[in-house]
Amino acid sequence: MAVVERLEPPREDGPQLISTVIVEDNVSSCTIFPLLSSLIANGKTAVVVIERRGDVEVRSLIADGVLIVGDFRHLAYYKEALQAGRLRKDFEDGYVIATRYDPAIPLVVVGSGLISRKIVETAQASGFAVVYVTDSPLPPKDVLTAKLEELGNVVNERTAVVIANEGGREYDVDAVDTALRKGAWYVALMASRRRAQDSIRELLRRGHKLDDLRKRLRSPAGLDIGTASPGEIAVSILAEIIGLKNGASFRPMVEVRSPFEGL
């Protein structure tokens, strides 16, 4: 790793600034996602580049045309990704995927099955900035991923966290515990009522307060919209996140802005 200091262009309203850029050959999602979360939470647009050549994967984060962390060569994809939103270039020995992230909700999805993948897929299509924490041997190629033991490195007070495993996994309550202690503003556990109660009892045993869990833990996760399929479950959870973030009433739009009043 190298740390490079560069002069920013002179400003009319103040002195010339020196910015610090981290240059690494192998940047993990644990490095990129907290930086990305901070950028988009503060109204910035950023580009994440993922390049895979053989068994080597290199990631970069770019904002305002400046490499924040990663490989300087990835700056060549910045403008095209800004215009296209997402681009992919395939080579004989690998590929490059560059994705634009507009100001959005940072989302951490923890899971290993079909539903967690569907939440990731739907969230990306809806403009969320997503990192997928999974032990799946074949995670999606076009999303930032992290290992289960790295969860604490990608969660902070800006992130929403969803733990979603069909039937539950042993690490589910550990993931909830980590997300709560890291201060995530939204923490949801996909679970039946019985399994949610078992998880709450374990969290109480670990020192969490019942009143705090009532306020912060969303389990079962999502809104009651009669979900059945993985896609519908994903929609119900993401709709809850968006609604809470925006202070929504959760009423039908026909009631909120009725076209029938005054007729």
C-alpha atoms as a PDB file:
ATOM      1  CA  MET A   1       0.000   0.000   0.000  1.00  0.00           C
ATOM      2  CA  ALA A   2       1.151   3.546  -0.718  1.00  0.00           C
ATOM      3  CA  VAL A   3      -0.237   6.879   0.474  1.00  0.00           C
ATOM      4  CA  VAL A   4      -0.002   9.660  -2.106  1.00  0.00           C
ATOM      5  CA  GLU A   5      -0.557  13.361  -1.422  1.00  0.00           C
ATOM      6  CA  ARG A   6      -1.798  15.438  -4.344  1.00  0.00           C
ATOM      7  CA  LEU A   7      -2.550  19.163  -4.754  1.00  0.00           C
ATOM      8  CA  GLU A   8      -6.142  20.003  -5.549  1.00  0.00           C
ATOM      9  CA  PRO A   9      -6.908  22.830  -8.027  1.00  0.00           C
ATOM     10  CA  PRO A  10      -6.736  26.311  -6.428  1.00  0.00           C
ATOM     11  CA  ARG A  11     -10.029  27.574  -4.970  1.00  0.00           C
ATOM     12  CA  GLU A  12     -11.343  31.109  -5.048  1.00  0.00           C
ATOM     13  CA  ASP A  13     -12.796  30.838  -1.541  1.00  0.00           C
ATOM     14  CA  GLY A  14      -9.755  29.438   0.226  1.00  0.00           C
ATOM     15  CA  PRO A  15      -6.246  27.992   0.105  1.00  0.00           C
ATOM     16  CA  GLN A  16      -5.109  25.186  -2.142  1.00  0.00           C
ATOM     17  CA  LEU A  17      -5.826  21.862  -0.460  1.00  0.00           C
ATOM     18  CA  ILE A  18      -3.791  18.676  -0.235  1.00  0.00           C
ATOM     19  CA  SER A  19      -5.794  15.457  -0.468  1.00  0.00           C
ATOM     20  CA  THR A  20      -4.593  12.034   0.604  1.00  0.00           C
ATOM     21  CA  VAL A  21      -5.187   9.099  -1.724  1.00  0.00           C
ATOM     22  CA  ILE A  22      -4.662   5.474  -0.729  1.00  0.00           C
ATOM     23  CA  VAL A  23      -3.189   3.397  -3.543  1.00  0.00           C
ATOM     24  CA  GLU A  24      -3.467  -0.364  -3.133  1.00  0.00           C
ATOM     25  CA  ASP A  25      -3.203  -3.320  -5.464  1.00  0.00           C
ATOM     26  CA  ASN A  26      -5.714  -5.428  -3.527  1.00  0.00           C
ATOM     27  CA  VAL A  27      -8.511  -3.369  -1.953  1.00  0.00           C
ATOM     28  CA  SER A  28     -11.237  -5.227  -0.097  1.00  0.00           C
ATOM     29  CA  SER A  29     -14.917  -4.332   0.146  1.00  0.00           C
ATOM     30  CA  CYS A  30     -14.239  -3.588   3.824  1.00  0.00           C
ATOM     31  CA  THR A  31     -12.101  -0.654   2.699  1.00  0.00           C
ATOM     32  CA  ILE A  32     -14.321   0.565  -0.126  1.00  0.00           C
ATOM     33  CA  PHE A  33     -17.824   0.308   1.335  1.00  0.00           C
ATOM     34  CA  PRO A  34     -17.402   2.616   4.386  1.00  0.00           C
ATOM     35  CA  LEU A  35     -15.807   5.232   2.117  1.00  0.00           C
ATOM     36  CA  LEU A  36     -18.567   4.800  -0.477  1.00  0.00           C
ATOM     37  CA  SER A  37     -21.235   5.055   2.247  1.00  0.00           C
ATOM     38  CA  SER A  38     -19.766   8.337   3.461  1.00  0.00           C
ATOM     39  CA  LEU A  39     -19.589   9.785  -0.055  1.00  0.00           C
ATOM     40  CA  ILE A  40     -23.147   8.973  -1.104  1.00  0.00           C
ATOM     41  CA  ALA A  41     -24.549   9.938   2.298  1.00  0.00           C
ATOM     42  CA  ASN A  42     -23.034  13.392   1.727  1.00  0.00           C
ATOM     43  CA  GLY A  43     -24.559  13.824  -1.716  1.00  0.00           C
ATOM     44  CA  LYS A  44     -21.601  12.669  -3.804  1.00  0.00           C
ATOM     45  CA  THR A  45     -21.662  10.426  -6.857  1.00  0.00           C
ATOM     46  CA  ALA A  46     -18.971   7.749  -7.006  1.00  0.00           C
ATOM     47  CA  VAL A  47     -17.804   4.948  -9.281  1.00  0.00           C
ATOM     48  CA  VAL A  48     -16.668   1.532  -8.101  1.00  0.00           C
ATOM     49  CA  VAL A  49     -14.501  -0.512 -10.471  1.00  0.00           C
ATOM     50  CA  ILE A  50     -14.060  -4.270 -10.070  1.00  0.00           C
ATOM     51  CA  GLU A  51     -11.424  -5.886 -12.280  1.00  0.00           C
ATOM     52  CA  ARG A  52     -10.789  -9.614 -12.337  1.00  0.00           C
ATOM     53  CA  ARG A  53      -7.842 -11.180 -14.164  1.00  0.00           C
ATOM     54  CA  GLY A  54      -7.497 -14.899 -13.560  1.00  0.00           C
ATOM     55  CA  ASP A  55      -7.578 -15.396  -9.786  1.00  0.00           C
ATOM     56  CA  VAL A  56      -6.694 -11.767  -9.001  1.00  0.00           C
ATOM     57  CA  GLU A  57      -9.439  -9.223  -8.252  1.00  0.00           C
ATOM     58  CA  VAL A  58      -8.706  -5.499  -7.939  1.00  0.00           C
ATOM     59  CA  ARG A  59     -11.224  -2.871  -6.776  1.00  0.00           C
ATOM     60  CA  SER A  60     -11.164   0.914  -6.933  1.00  0.00           C
ATOM     61  CA  LEU A  61     -13.315   3.797  -5.688  1.00  0.00           C
ATOM     62  CA  ILE A  62     -13.392   7.049  -7.671  1.00  0.00           C
ATOM     63  CA  ALA A  63     -15.235  10.310  -6.943  1.00  0.00           C
ATOM     64  CA  ASP A  64     -15.042  13.714  -8.644  1.00  0.00           C
ATOM     65  CA  GLY A  65     -12.514  12.256 -11.047  1.00  0.00           C
ATOM     66  CA  VAL A  66     -10.140  11.481  -8.163  1.00  0.00           C
ATOM     67  CA  LEU A  67      -9.003   7.984  -7.183  1.00  0.00           C
ATOM     68  CA  ILE A  68      -9.954   7.564  -3.532  1.00  0.00           C
ATOM     69  CA  VAL A  69      -8.523   4.065  -3.200  1.00  0.00           C
ATOM     70  CA  GLY A  70      -7.394   1.404  -5.647  1.00  0.00           C
ATOM     71  CA  ASP A  71      -5.599   1.263  -8.989  1.00  0.00           C
ATOM     72  CA  PHE A  72      -4.865   4.458 -10.958  1.00  0.00           C
ATOM     73  CA  ARG A  73      -5.490   2.598 -14.223  1.00  0.00           C
ATOM     74  CA  HIS A  74      -9.179   2.366 -13.323  1.00  0.00           C
ATOM     75  CA  LEU A  75      -9.547   6.115 -13.832  1.00  0.00           C
ATOM     76  CA  ALA A  76      -9.834   5.268 -17.552  1.00  0.00           C
ATOM     77  CA  TYR A  77     -13.321   3.832 -16.906  1.00  0.00           C
ATOM     78  CA  TYR A  78     -14.621   6.703 -14.763  1.00  0.00           C
ATOM     79  CA  LYS A  79     -16.242   9.008 -17.346  1.00  0.00           C
ATOM     80  CA  GLU A  80     -17.842   6.199 -19.315  1.00  0.00           C
ATOM     81  CA  ALA A  81     -19.308   4.692 -16.132  1.00  0.00           C
ATOM     82  CA  LEU A  82     -20.663   8.098 -15.088  1.00  0.00           C
ATOM     83  CA  GLN A  83     -22.516   8.407 -18.392  1.00  0.00           C
ATOM     84  CA  ALA A  84     -23.688   4.805 -18.747  1.00  0.00           C
ATOM     85  CA  GLY A  85     -24.398   4.041 -15.098  1.00  0.00           C
ATOM     86  CA  ARG A  86     -22.761   0.656 -15.494  1.00  0.00           C
ATOM     87  CA  LEU A  87     -20.312  -0.801 -17.969  1.00  0.00           C
ATOM     88  CA  ARG A  88     -18.641  -4.142 -18.469  1.00  0.00           C
ATOM     89  CA  LYS A  89     -15.621  -4.971 -20.578  1.00  0.00           C
ATOM     90  CA  ASP A  90     -14.612  -8.590 -21.149  1.00  0.00           C
ATOM     91  CA  PHE A  91     -11.072  -9.767 -21.862  1.00  0.00           C
ATOM     92  CA  GLU A  92      -9.512 -13.139 -22.589  1.00  0.00           C
ATOM     93  CA  ASP A  93      -8.369 -13.526 -18.999  1.00  0.00           C
ATOM     94  CA  GLY A  94     -11.147 -11.671 -17.158  1.00  0.00           C
ATOM     95  CA  TYR A  95     -13.385  -8.621 -17.063  1.00  0.00           C
ATOM     96  CA  VAL A  96     -13.893  -5.108 -15.712  1.00  0.00           C
ATOM     97  CA  ILE A  97     -17.194  -3.901 -14.233  1.00  0.00           C
ATOM     98  CA  ALA A  98     -17.595  -0.206 -13.372  1.00  0.00           C
ATOM     99  CA  THR A  99     -20.744   0.963 -11.563  1.00  0.00           C
ATOM    100  CA  ARG A 100     -21.936   4.485 -10.785  1.00  0.00           C
ATOM    101  CA  TYR A 101     -23.415   5.070  -7.327  1.00  0.00           C
ATOM    102  CA  ASP A 102     -25.590   8.150  -6.931  1.00  0.00           C
ATOM    103  CA  PRO A 103     -26.551   9.516  -3.495  1.00  0.00           C
ATOM    104  CA  ALA A 104     -28.455   6.577  -2.035  1.00  0.00           C
ATOM    105  CA  ILE A 105     -29.030   4.363   0.994  1.00  0.00           C
ATOM    106  CA  PRO A 106     -26.042   2.155   1.880  1.00  0.00           C
ATOM    107  CA  LEU A 107     -27.323  -1.394   2.404  1.00  0.00           C
ATOM    108  CA  VAL A 108     -25.566  -4.431   3.861  1.00  0.00           C
ATOM    109  CA  VAL A 109     -27.260  -7.746   3.028  1.00  0.00           C
ATOM    110  CA  VAL A 110     -26.183 -10.788   5.042  1.00  0.00           C
ATOM    111  CA  GLY A 111     -27.174 -14.224   3.781  1.00  0.00           C
ATOM    112  CA  SER A 112     -26.403 -17.206   1.612  1.00  0.00           C
ATOM    113  CA  GLY A 113     -29.608 -18.229  -0.124  1.00  0.00           C
ATOM    114  CA  LEU A 114     -32.032 -17.202  -2.843  1.00  0.00           C
ATOM    115  CA  ILE A 115     -33.830 -14.523  -0.834  1.00  0.00           C
ATOM    116  CA  SER A 116     -30.668 -12.653   0.115  1.00  0.00           C
ATOM    117  CA  ARG A 117     -29.579 -12.708  -3.538  1.00  0.00           C
ATOM    118  CA  LYS A 118     -32.983 -11.376  -4.589  1.00  0.00           C
ATOM    119  CA  ILE A 119     -32.724  -8.562  -2.022  1.00  0.00           C
ATOM    120  CA  VAL A 120     -29.290  -7.665  -3.425  1.00  0.00           C
ATOM    121  CA  GLU A 121     -30.573  -7.774  -7.013  1.00  0.00           C
ATOM    122  CA  THR A 122     -33.693  -5.701  -6.277  1.00  0.00           C
ATOM    123  CA  ALA A 123     -31.784  -3.200  -4.148  1.00  0.00           C
ATOM    124  CA  GLN A 124     -29.210  -2.620  -6.880  1.00  0.00           C
ATOM    125  CA  ALA A 125     -31.977  -2.089  -9.437  1.00  0.00           C
ATOM    126  CA  SER A 126     -33.580   0.401  -7.034  1.00  0.00           C
ATOM    127  CA  GLY A 127     -30.438   2.488  -6.607  1.00  0.00           C
ATOM    128  CA  PHE A 128     -29.172   1.269  -3.237  1.00  0.00           C
ATOM    129  CA  ALA A 129     -25.422   1.007  -2.652  1.00  0.00           C
ATOM    130  CA  VAL A 130     -25.052  -2.646  -1.682  1.00  0.00           C
ATOM    131  CA  VAL A 131     -22.439  -4.880  -0.122  1.00  0.00           C
ATOM    132  CA  TYR A 132     -23.276  -8.592   0.113  1.00  0.00           C
ATOM    133  CA  VAL A 133     -21.887 -10.365   3.178  1.00  0.00           C
ATOM    134  CA  THR A 134     -22.023 -14.068   2.428  1.00  0.00           C
ATOM    135  CA  ASP A 135     -20.314 -17.430   2.733  1.00  0.00           C
ATOM    136  CA  SER A 136     -21.643 -18.467  -0.669  1.00  0.00           C
ATOM    137  CA  PRO A 137     -18.896 -20.030  -2.817  1.00  0.00           C
ATOM    138  CA  LEU A 138     -20.322 -18.308  -5.909  1.00  0.00           C
ATOM    139  CA  PRO A 139     -21.399 -14.741  -5.001  1.00  0.00           C
ATOM    140  CA  PRO A 140     -22.650 -12.389  -7.736  1.00  0.00           C
ATOM    141  CA  LYS A 141     -19.853 -10.861  -9.811  1.00  0.00           C
ATOM    142  CA  ASP A 142     -21.267  -7.354 -10.104  1.00  0.00           C
ATOM    143  CA  VAL A 143     -21.637  -6.485  -6.406  1.00  0.00           C
ATOM    144  CA  LEU A 144     -19.217  -5.696  -3.605  1.00  0.00           C
ATOM    145  CA  THR A 145     -18.876  -8.727  -1.339  1.00  0.00           C
ATOM    146  CA  ALA A 146     -17.408  -9.362   2.095  1.00  0.00           C
ATOM    147  CA  LYS A 147     -16.883 -12.378   4.319  1.00  0.00           C
ATOM    148  CA  LEU A 148     -19.009 -12.999   7.397  1.00  0.00           C
ATOM    149  CA  GLU A 149     -16.114 -12.230   9.736  1.00  0.00           C
ATOM    150  CA  GLU A 150     -15.742  -8.840   8.024  1.00  0.00           C
ATOM    151  CA  LEU A 151     -19.291  -7.662   8.770  1.00  0.00           C
ATOM    152  CA  GLY A 152     -18.180  -5.289  11.521  1.00  0.00           C
ATOM    153  CA  ASN A 153     -15.906  -3.504   9.062  1.00  0.00           C
ATOM    154  CA  VAL A 154     -18.687  -2.544   6.631  1.00  0.00           C
ATOM    155  CA  VAL A 155     -21.427  -1.494   9.077  1.00  0.00           C
ATOM    156  CA  ASN A 156     -21.772   1.966  10.596  1.00  0.00           C
ATOM    157  CA  GLU A 157     -24.531   4.387  11.596  1.00  0.00           C
ATOM    158  CA  ARG A 158     -25.277   5.233   7.942  1.00  0.00           C
ATOM    159  CA  THR A 159     -26.039   1.673   6.863  1.00  0.00           C
ATOM    160  CA  ALA A 160     -29.186  -0.395   6.761  1.00  0.00           C
ATOM    161  CA  VAL A 161     -28.551  -4.077   7.512  1.00  0.00           C
ATOM    162  CA  VAL A 162     -30.742  -7.011   6.478  1.00  0.00           C
ATOM    163  CA  ILE A 163     -30.034 -10.568   7.619  1.00  0.00           C
ATOM    164  CA  ALA A 164     -31.962 -12.971   5.399  1.00  0.00           C
ATOM    165  CA  ASN A 165     -31.560 -16.744   5.419  1.00  0.00           C
ATOM    166  CA  GLU A 166     -34.294 -19.209   4.627  1.00  0.00           C
ATOM    167  CA  GLY A 167     -34.875 -21.153   7.827  1.00  0.00           C
ATOM    168  CA  GLY A 168     -32.091 -19.248   9.569  1.00  0.00           C
ATOM    169  CA  ARG A 169     -28.366 -19.855   9.983  1.00  0.00           C
ATOM    170  CA  GLU A 170     -26.247 -20.159  13.121  1.00  0.00           C
ATOM    171  CA  TYR A 171     -24.582 -16.812  12.421  1.00  0.00           C
ATOM    172  CA  ASP A 172     -27.844 -14.833  12.108  1.00  0.00           C
ATOM    173  CA  VAL A 173     -27.966 -13.675  15.741  1.00  0.00           C
ATOM    174  CA  ASP A 174     -24.241 -12.857  15.632  1.00  0.00           C
ATOM    175  CA  ALA A 175     -24.884 -10.634  12.602  1.00  0.00           C
ATOM    176  CA  VAL A 176     -27.778  -8.875  14.369  1.00  0.00           C
ATOM    177  CA  ASP A 177     -25.608  -8.371  17.450  1.00  0.00           C
ATOM    178  CA  THR A 178     -22.807  -6.833  15.360  1.00  0.00           C
ATOM    179  CA  ALA A 179     -25.154  -4.542  13.409  1.00  0.00           C
ATOM    180  CA  LEU A 180     -26.773  -3.237  16.597  1.00  0.00           C
ATOM    181  CA  ARG A 181     -23.459  -2.617  18.348  1.00  0.00           C
ATOM    182  CA  LYS A 182     -22.085  -0.828  15.266  1.00  0.00           C
ATOM    183  CA  GLY A 183     -25.041   1.575  15.368  1.00  0.00           C
ATOM    184  CA  ALA A 184     -26.763   0.681  12.080  1.00  0.00           C
ATOM    185  CA  TRP A 185     -29.897   2.828  11.797  1.00  0.00           C
ATOM    186  CA  TYR A 186     -31.953  -0.062  10.384  1.00  0.00           C
ATOM    187  CA  VAL A 187     -31.467  -3.698  11.424  1.00  0.00           C
ATOM    188  CA  ALA A 188     -33.806  -6.380  10.113  1.00  0.00           C
ATOM    189  CA  LEU A 189     -33.825 -10.135  10.645  1.00  0.00           C
ATOM    190  CA  MET A 190     -35.907 -12.289   8.322  1.00  0.00           C
ATOM    191  CA  ALA A 191     -37.414 -14.864  10.663  1.00  0.00           C
ATOM    192  CA  SER A 192     -40.601 -16.530  11.786  1.00  0.00           C
ATOM    193  CA  ARG A 193     -42.193 -15.171  14.949  1.00  0.00           C
ATOM    194  CA  ARG A 194     -40.795 -18.068  16.973  1.00  0.00           C
ATOM    195  CA  ARG A 195     -37.272 -17.741  15.619  1.00  0.00           C
ATOM    196  CA  ALA A 196     -37.390 -13.962  16.099  1.00  0.00           C
ATOM    197  CA  GLN A 197     -38.311 -14.515  19.762  1.00  0.00           C
ATOM    198  CA  ASP A 198     -35.438 -16.986  20.198  1.00  0.00           C
ATOM    199  CA  SER A 199     -33.056 -14.423  18.692  1.00  0.00           C
ATOM    200  CA  ILE A 200     -34.348 -11.678  20.994  1.00  0.00           C
ATOM    201  CA  ARG A 201     -33.819 -13.897  24.044  1.00  0.00           C
ATOM    202  CA  GLU A 202     -30.226 -14.540  22.949  1.00  0.00           C
ATOM    203  CA  LEU A 203     -29.625 -10.814  22.365  1.00  0.00           C
ATOM    204  CA  LEU A 204     -30.966 -10.068  25.854  1.00  0.00           C
ATOM    205  CA  ARG A 205     -28.564 -12.678  27.235  1.00  0.00           C
ATOM    206  CA  ARG A 206     -25.740 -10.816  25.468  1.00  0.00           C
ATOM    207  CA  GLY A 207     -26.585  -7.580  27.246  1.00  0.00           C
ATOM    208  CA  HIS A 208     -28.970  -5.762  24.902  1.00  0.00           C
ATOM    209  CA  LYS A 209     -31.917  -3.962  26.515  1.00  0.00           C
ATOM    210  CA  LEU A 210     -35.475  -4.987  25.647  1.00  0.00           C
ATOM    211  CA  ASP A 211     -36.631  -1.399  25.076  1.00  0.00           C
ATOM    212  CA  ASP A 212     -33.718  -0.802  22.709  1.00  0.00           C
ATOM    213  CA  LEU A 213     -34.507  -3.978  20.755  1.00  0.00           C
ATOM    214  CA  ARG A 214     -38.157  -2.946  20.452  1.00  0.00           C
ATOM    215  CA  LYS A 215     -37.072   0.323  18.842  1.00  0.00           C
ATOM    216  CA  ARG A 216     -34.230  -0.908  16.643  1.00  0.00           C
ATOM    217  CA  LEU A 217     -34.776  -4.530  15.598  1.00  0.00           C
ATOM    218  CA  ARG A 218     -37.197  -5.179  12.732  1.00  0.00           C
ATOM    219  CA  SER A 219     -38.095  -8.857  12.971  1.00  0.00           C
ATOM    220  CA  PRO A 220     -39.932 -10.386  11.232  1.00  0.00           C
ATOM    221  CA  ALA A 221     -38.541  -8.129   8.510  1.00  0.00           C
ATOM    222  CA  GLY A 222     -40.476  -6.020   6.021  1.00  0.00           C
ATOM    223  CA  LEU A 223     -44.053  -4.858   5.530  1.00  0.00           C
ATOM    224  CA  ASP A 224     -47.157  -7.011   5.593  1.00  0.00           C
ATOM    225  CA  ILE A 225     -48.067  -7.066   1.890  1.00  0.00           C
ATOM    226  CA  GLY A 226     -48.900 -10.760   1.638  1.00  0.00           C
ATOM    227  CA  THR A 227     -45.463 -11.807   0.393  1.00  0.00           C
ATOM    228  CA  ALA A 228     -44.856 -15.297  -0.944  1.00  0.00           C
ATOM    229  CA  SER A 229     -41.981 -15.291  -3.440  1.00  0.00           C
ATOM    230  CA  PRO A 230     -38.358 -14.211  -2.822  1.00  0.00           C
ATOM    231  CA  GLY A 231     -38.937 -11.177  -5.033  1.00  0.00           C
ATOM    232  CA  GLU A 232     -41.988 -10.098  -3.036  1.00  0.00           C
ATOM    233  CA  ILE A 233     -40.092 -10.525   0.230  1.00  0.00           C
ATOM    234  CA  ALA A 234     -37.309  -8.337  -1.154  1.00  0.00           C
ATOM    235  CA  VAL A 235     -39.805  -5.637  -2.157  1.00  0.00           C
ATOM    236  CA  SER A 236     -41.473  -5.652   1.283  1.00  0.00           C
ATOM    237  CA  ILE A 237     -38.141  -5.223   3.095  1.00  0.00           C
ATOM    238  CA  LEU A 238     -36.772  -2.552   0.771  1.00  0.00           C
ATOM    239  CA  ALA A 239     -40.062  -0.649   0.871  1.00  0.00           C
ATOM    240  CA  GLU A 240     -39.831  -0.549   4.669  1.00  0.00           C
ATOM    241  CA  ILE A 241     -36.256   0.769   4.505  1.00  0.00           C
ATOM    242  CA  ILE A 242     -37.169   3.498   2.005  1.00  0.00           C
ATOM    243  CA  GLY A 243     -40.285   4.466   3.934  1.00  0.00           C
ATOM    244  CA  LEU A 244     -38.496   4.737   7.272  1.00  0.00           C
ATOM    245  CA  LYS A 245     -35.614   6.667   5.740  1.00  0.00           C
ATOM    246  CA  ASN A 246     -38.004   9.169   4.148  1.00  0.00           C
ATOM    247  CA  GLY A 247     -40.431   9.426   7.059  1.00  0.00           C
ATOM    248  CA  ALA A 248     -43.292   8.010   4.983  1.00  0.00           C
ATOM    249  CA  SER A 249     -46.834   7.496   6.254  1.00  0.00           C
ATOM    250  CA  PHE A 250     -47.036   3.966   4.751  1.00  0.00           C
ATOM    251  CA  ARG A 251     -50.581   4.778   3.605  1.00  0.00           C
ATOM    252  CA  PRO A 252     -51.812   3.995   0.068  1.00  0.00           C
ATOM    253  CA  MET A 253     -51.028   6.820  -2.348  1.00  0.00           C
ATOM    254  CA  VAL A 254     -54.683   7.009  -3.362  1.00  0.00           C
ATOM    255  CA  GLU A 255     -55.381   8.107   0.225  1.00  0.00           C
ATOM    256  CA  VAL A 256     -52.417  10.468   0.479  1.00  0.00           C
ATOM    257  CA  ARG A 257     -53.125  12.248  -2.830  1.00  0.00           C
ATOM    258  CA  SER A 258     -56.646  11.260  -3.695  1.00  0.00           C
ATOM    259  CA  PRO A 259     -57.772  12.426  -7.149  1.00  0.00           C
ATOM    260  CA  PHE A 260     -61.388  11.944  -6.036  1.00  0.00           C
ATOM    261  CA  GLU A 261     -61.507  14.747  -3.490  1.00  0.00           C
ATOM    262  CA  GLY A 262     -63.390  17.763  -4.750  1.00  0.00           C
ATOM    263  CA  LEU A 263     -65.073  15.935  -7.635  1.00  0.00           C
END
